[in-house]
Amino acid sequence: MSLEPVITVLEKDLPITITKKELRLIVPYSPQHILRLEKQGKFPKRIQIGLRRVGWELAAVKAWLKTRARGSAGFSDEAR
């Protein structure tokens, strides 16, 4: 008996967590700016994985990126 169907079901149901290094490849912000956005509630919260390791849910980061992509067209020169 193969475990492949069971593993496939688990992979669909479990959230994928990305590391700080992987996040940097997706989001072009500095770690300090990401932390500021998190504290302001404008970026997905990090998840404590271990004593010195954090991660982010990939789905939450992707959703955040989609909102940024949609909102970027609305920027104007009025804020300057």
N, C-alpha and C. Protein backbone atom coordinates (compact mmCIF):
# COMPACT_ATOMS: atom_id res chain seq x y z
N MET A 1 0.85 -1.19 0.00
CA MET A 1 0.00 0.00 0.00
C MET A 1 0.89 1.25 0.00
N SER A 2 0.57 2.18 -0.86
CA SER A 2 1.34 3.41 -0.99
C SER A 2 0.75 4.52 -0.13
N LEU A 3 1.61 5.38 0.38
CA LEU A 3 1.16 6.52 1.19
C LEU A 3 0.94 7.79 0.37
N GLU A 4 1.18 7.71 -0.93
CA GLU A 4 1.07 8.91 -1.77
C GLU A 4 -0.29 9.60 -1.67
N PRO A 5 -1.43 8.89 -1.74
CA PRO A 5 -2.72 9.60 -1.62
C PRO A 5 -2.87 10.30 -0.27
N VAL A 6 -2.39 9.69 0.79
CA VAL A 6 -2.48 10.29 2.12
C VAL A 6 -1.62 11.54 2.19
N ILE A 7 -0.41 11.48 1.67
CA ILE A 7 0.50 12.62 1.69
C ILE A 7 -0.07 13.76 0.84
N THR A 8 -0.66 13.44 -0.30
CA THR A 8 -1.26 14.46 -1.17
C THR A 8 -2.38 15.19 -0.44
N VAL A 9 -3.23 14.47 0.27
CA VAL A 9 -4.33 15.09 1.01
C VAL A 9 -3.77 15.98 2.11
N LEU A 10 -2.76 15.50 2.82
CA LEU A 10 -2.16 16.31 3.89
C LEU A 10 -1.53 17.58 3.34
N GLU A 11 -0.86 17.49 2.21
CA GLU A 11 -0.21 18.67 1.62
C GLU A 11 -1.23 19.73 1.25
N LYS A 12 -2.41 19.31 0.80
CA LYS A 12 -3.45 20.27 0.42
C LYS A 12 -4.01 20.97 1.64
N ASP A 13 -4.11 20.26 2.77
CA ASP A 13 -4.73 20.81 3.97
C ASP A 13 -3.76 21.58 4.85
N LEU A 14 -2.48 21.28 4.78
CA LEU A 14 -1.51 21.94 5.64
C LEU A 14 -0.99 23.22 5.00
N PRO A 15 -0.86 24.28 5.79
CA PRO A 15 -0.30 25.51 5.24
C PRO A 15 1.19 25.35 4.99
N ILE A 16 1.67 26.00 3.95
CA ILE A 16 3.10 25.99 3.64
C ILE A 16 3.72 27.19 4.33
N THR A 17 4.76 26.94 5.09
CA THR A 17 5.46 28.00 5.80
C THR A 17 6.77 28.29 5.10
N ILE A 18 7.05 29.58 4.89
CA ILE A 18 8.30 29.97 4.24
C ILE A 18 9.21 30.65 5.27
N THR A 19 10.50 30.55 5.05
CA THR A 19 11.49 31.13 5.95
C THR A 19 11.74 32.59 5.61
N LYS A 20 12.51 33.26 6.45
CA LYS A 20 12.87 34.66 6.21
C LYS A 20 13.63 34.80 4.89
N LYS A 21 14.52 33.84 4.63
CA LYS A 21 15.29 33.88 3.38
C LYS A 21 14.37 33.73 2.17
N GLU A 22 13.40 32.84 2.25
CA GLU A 22 12.45 32.65 1.15
C GLU A 22 11.55 33.87 1.00
N LEU A 23 11.17 34.48 2.12
CA LEU A 23 10.34 35.68 2.07
C LEU A 23 11.06 36.80 1.33
N ARG A 24 12.36 36.94 1.57
CA ARG A 24 13.15 37.98 0.90
C ARG A 24 13.15 37.81 -0.62
N LEU A 25 13.03 36.58 -1.10
CA LEU A 25 12.97 36.34 -2.54
C LEU A 25 11.63 36.78 -3.13
N ILE A 26 10.60 36.79 -2.31
CA ILE A 26 9.25 37.11 -2.78
C ILE A 26 8.92 38.58 -2.57
N VAL A 27 9.29 39.12 -1.40
CA VAL A 27 8.94 40.49 -1.03
C VAL A 27 10.22 41.32 -1.00
N PRO A 28 10.32 42.36 -1.80
CA PRO A 28 11.56 43.13 -1.91
C PRO A 28 11.73 44.20 -0.83
N TYR A 29 11.32 43.92 0.39
CA TYR A 29 11.46 44.87 1.49
C TYR A 29 12.53 44.38 2.45
N SER A 30 13.12 45.29 3.17
CA SER A 30 14.12 44.92 4.18
C SER A 30 13.40 44.24 5.36
N PRO A 31 14.14 43.45 6.13
CA PRO A 31 13.53 42.82 7.31
C PRO A 31 12.95 43.85 8.29
N GLN A 32 13.61 45.01 8.42
CA GLN A 32 13.13 46.05 9.32
C GLN A 32 11.78 46.61 8.85
N HIS A 33 11.65 46.82 7.54
CA HIS A 33 10.40 47.36 7.01
C HIS A 33 9.28 46.33 7.15
N ILE A 34 9.58 45.07 6.90
CA ILE A 34 8.57 44.02 7.07
C ILE A 34 8.10 43.99 8.52
N LEU A 35 9.02 44.09 9.47
CA LEU A 35 8.66 44.11 10.88
C LEU A 35 7.76 45.31 11.20
N ARG A 36 8.09 46.48 10.65
CA ARG A 36 7.25 47.67 10.86
C ARG A 36 5.84 47.44 10.33
N LEU A 37 5.75 46.87 9.12
CA LEU A 37 4.44 46.59 8.53
C LEU A 37 3.66 45.58 9.37
N GLU A 38 4.34 44.57 9.89
CA GLU A 38 3.69 43.59 10.76
C GLU A 38 3.11 44.26 12.00
N LYS A 39 3.90 45.11 12.63
CA LYS A 39 3.45 45.79 13.85
C LYS A 39 2.26 46.70 13.58
N GLN A 40 2.18 47.25 12.37
CA GLN A 40 1.06 48.12 11.99
C GLN A 40 -0.14 47.32 11.50
N GLY A 41 0.01 46.00 11.40
CA GLY A 41 -1.08 45.15 10.93
C GLY A 41 -1.25 45.20 9.42
N LYS A 42 -0.21 45.61 8.72
CA LYS A 42 -0.27 45.76 7.26
C LYS A 42 0.47 44.64 6.52
N PHE A 43 0.94 43.63 7.24
CA PHE A 43 1.66 42.51 6.64
C PHE A 43 1.33 41.28 7.47
N PRO A 44 1.26 40.10 6.85
CA PRO A 44 0.96 38.88 7.61
C PRO A 44 1.92 38.68 8.77
N LYS A 45 1.39 38.25 9.89
CA LYS A 45 2.19 38.02 11.09
C LYS A 45 3.09 36.81 10.92
N ARG A 46 4.29 36.91 11.48
CA ARG A 46 5.22 35.78 11.47
C ARG A 46 4.76 34.72 12.45
N ILE A 47 5.21 33.50 12.20
CA ILE A 47 4.90 32.35 13.04
C ILE A 47 6.20 31.91 13.69
N GLN A 48 6.18 31.74 15.01
CA GLN A 48 7.36 31.26 15.72
C GLN A 48 7.47 29.76 15.51
N ILE A 49 8.53 29.32 14.82
CA ILE A 49 8.72 27.90 14.51
C ILE A 49 9.60 27.24 15.58
N GLY A 50 10.59 27.96 16.04
CA GLY A 50 11.50 27.47 17.06
C GLY A 50 11.97 28.63 17.91
N LEU A 51 12.96 28.40 18.75
CA LEU A 51 13.46 29.47 19.60
C LEU A 51 14.01 30.64 18.80
N ARG A 52 14.71 30.33 17.72
CA ARG A 52 15.34 31.38 16.91
C ARG A 52 14.94 31.31 15.45
N ARG A 53 13.79 30.74 15.16
CA ARG A 53 13.36 30.59 13.77
C ARG A 53 11.91 31.03 13.64
N VAL A 54 11.66 31.86 12.62
CA VAL A 54 10.29 32.31 12.32
C VAL A 54 9.98 31.99 10.87
N GLY A 55 8.71 32.04 10.55
CA GLY A 55 8.28 31.81 9.18
C GLY A 55 6.97 32.54 8.94
N TRP A 56 6.52 32.50 7.71
CA TRP A 56 5.25 33.11 7.32
C TRP A 56 4.47 32.11 6.50
N GLU A 57 3.14 32.17 6.60
CA GLU A 57 2.29 31.31 5.77
C GLU A 57 2.35 31.84 4.34
N LEU A 58 2.72 30.96 3.42
CA LEU A 58 2.86 31.37 2.02
C LEU A 58 1.55 31.91 1.47
N ALA A 59 0.44 31.28 1.81
CA ALA A 59 -0.86 31.74 1.29
C ALA A 59 -1.16 33.17 1.75
N ALA A 60 -0.83 33.49 2.99
CA ALA A 60 -1.07 34.84 3.50
C ALA A 60 -0.19 35.86 2.79
N VAL A 61 1.05 35.50 2.54
CA VAL A 61 1.97 36.41 1.83
C VAL A 61 1.49 36.61 0.39
N LYS A 62 1.06 35.54 -0.27
CA LYS A 62 0.54 35.66 -1.64
C LYS A 62 -0.69 36.56 -1.67
N ALA A 63 -1.58 36.40 -0.70
CA ALA A 63 -2.79 37.24 -0.65
C ALA A 63 -2.40 38.70 -0.44
N TRP A 64 -1.42 38.95 0.43
CA TRP A 64 -0.95 40.31 0.66
C TRP A 64 -0.38 40.90 -0.64
N LEU A 65 0.41 40.11 -1.36
CA LEU A 65 0.98 40.58 -2.63
C LEU A 65 -0.11 40.93 -3.63
N LYS A 66 -1.17 40.13 -3.67
CA LYS A 66 -2.28 40.41 -4.60
C LYS A 66 -2.94 41.74 -4.26
N THR A 67 -3.12 42.02 -2.97
CA THR A 67 -3.74 43.29 -2.60
C THR A 67 -2.82 44.46 -2.96
N ARG A 68 -1.52 44.27 -2.82
CA ARG A 68 -0.56 45.31 -3.19
C ARG A 68 -0.57 45.54 -4.70
N ALA A 69 -0.65 44.47 -5.47
CA ALA A 69 -0.65 44.59 -6.92
C ALA A 69 -1.90 45.33 -7.40
N ARG A 70 -3.03 45.04 -6.76
CA ARG A 70 -4.27 45.72 -7.14
C ARG A 70 -4.25 47.17 -6.72
N GLY A 71 -3.67 47.47 -5.57
CA GLY A 71 -3.66 48.84 -5.04
C GLY A 71 -2.64 49.74 -5.68
N SER A 72 -1.61 49.17 -6.31
CA SER A 72 -0.54 50.00 -6.84
C SER A 72 -1.01 50.88 -8.00
N ALA A 73 -2.04 50.48 -8.69
CA ALA A 73 -2.53 51.28 -9.81
C ALA A 73 -3.22 52.55 -9.32
N GLY A 74 -3.59 52.57 -8.02
CA GLY A 74 -4.32 53.71 -7.48
C GLY A 74 -3.44 54.79 -6.90
N PHE A 75 -2.13 54.65 -6.92
CA PHE A 75 -1.25 55.67 -6.38
C PHE A 75 -1.30 56.93 -7.25
N SER A 76 -1.24 58.06 -6.60
CA SER A 76 -1.23 59.30 -7.37
C SER A 76 -0.13 60.21 -6.84
N ASP A 77 0.06 61.33 -7.49
CA ASP A 77 1.09 62.29 -7.08
C ASP A 77 0.61 63.19 -5.94
N GLU A 78 -0.66 63.04 -5.50
CA GLU A 78 -1.20 63.91 -4.47
C GLU A 78 -0.47 63.75 -3.14
N ALA A 79 0.07 62.55 -2.88
CA ALA A 79 0.71 62.28 -1.59
C ALA A 79 2.07 62.96 -1.47
N ARG A 80 2.61 63.45 -2.53
CA ARG A 80 3.95 64.06 -2.50
C ARG A 80 3.93 65.44 -1.95
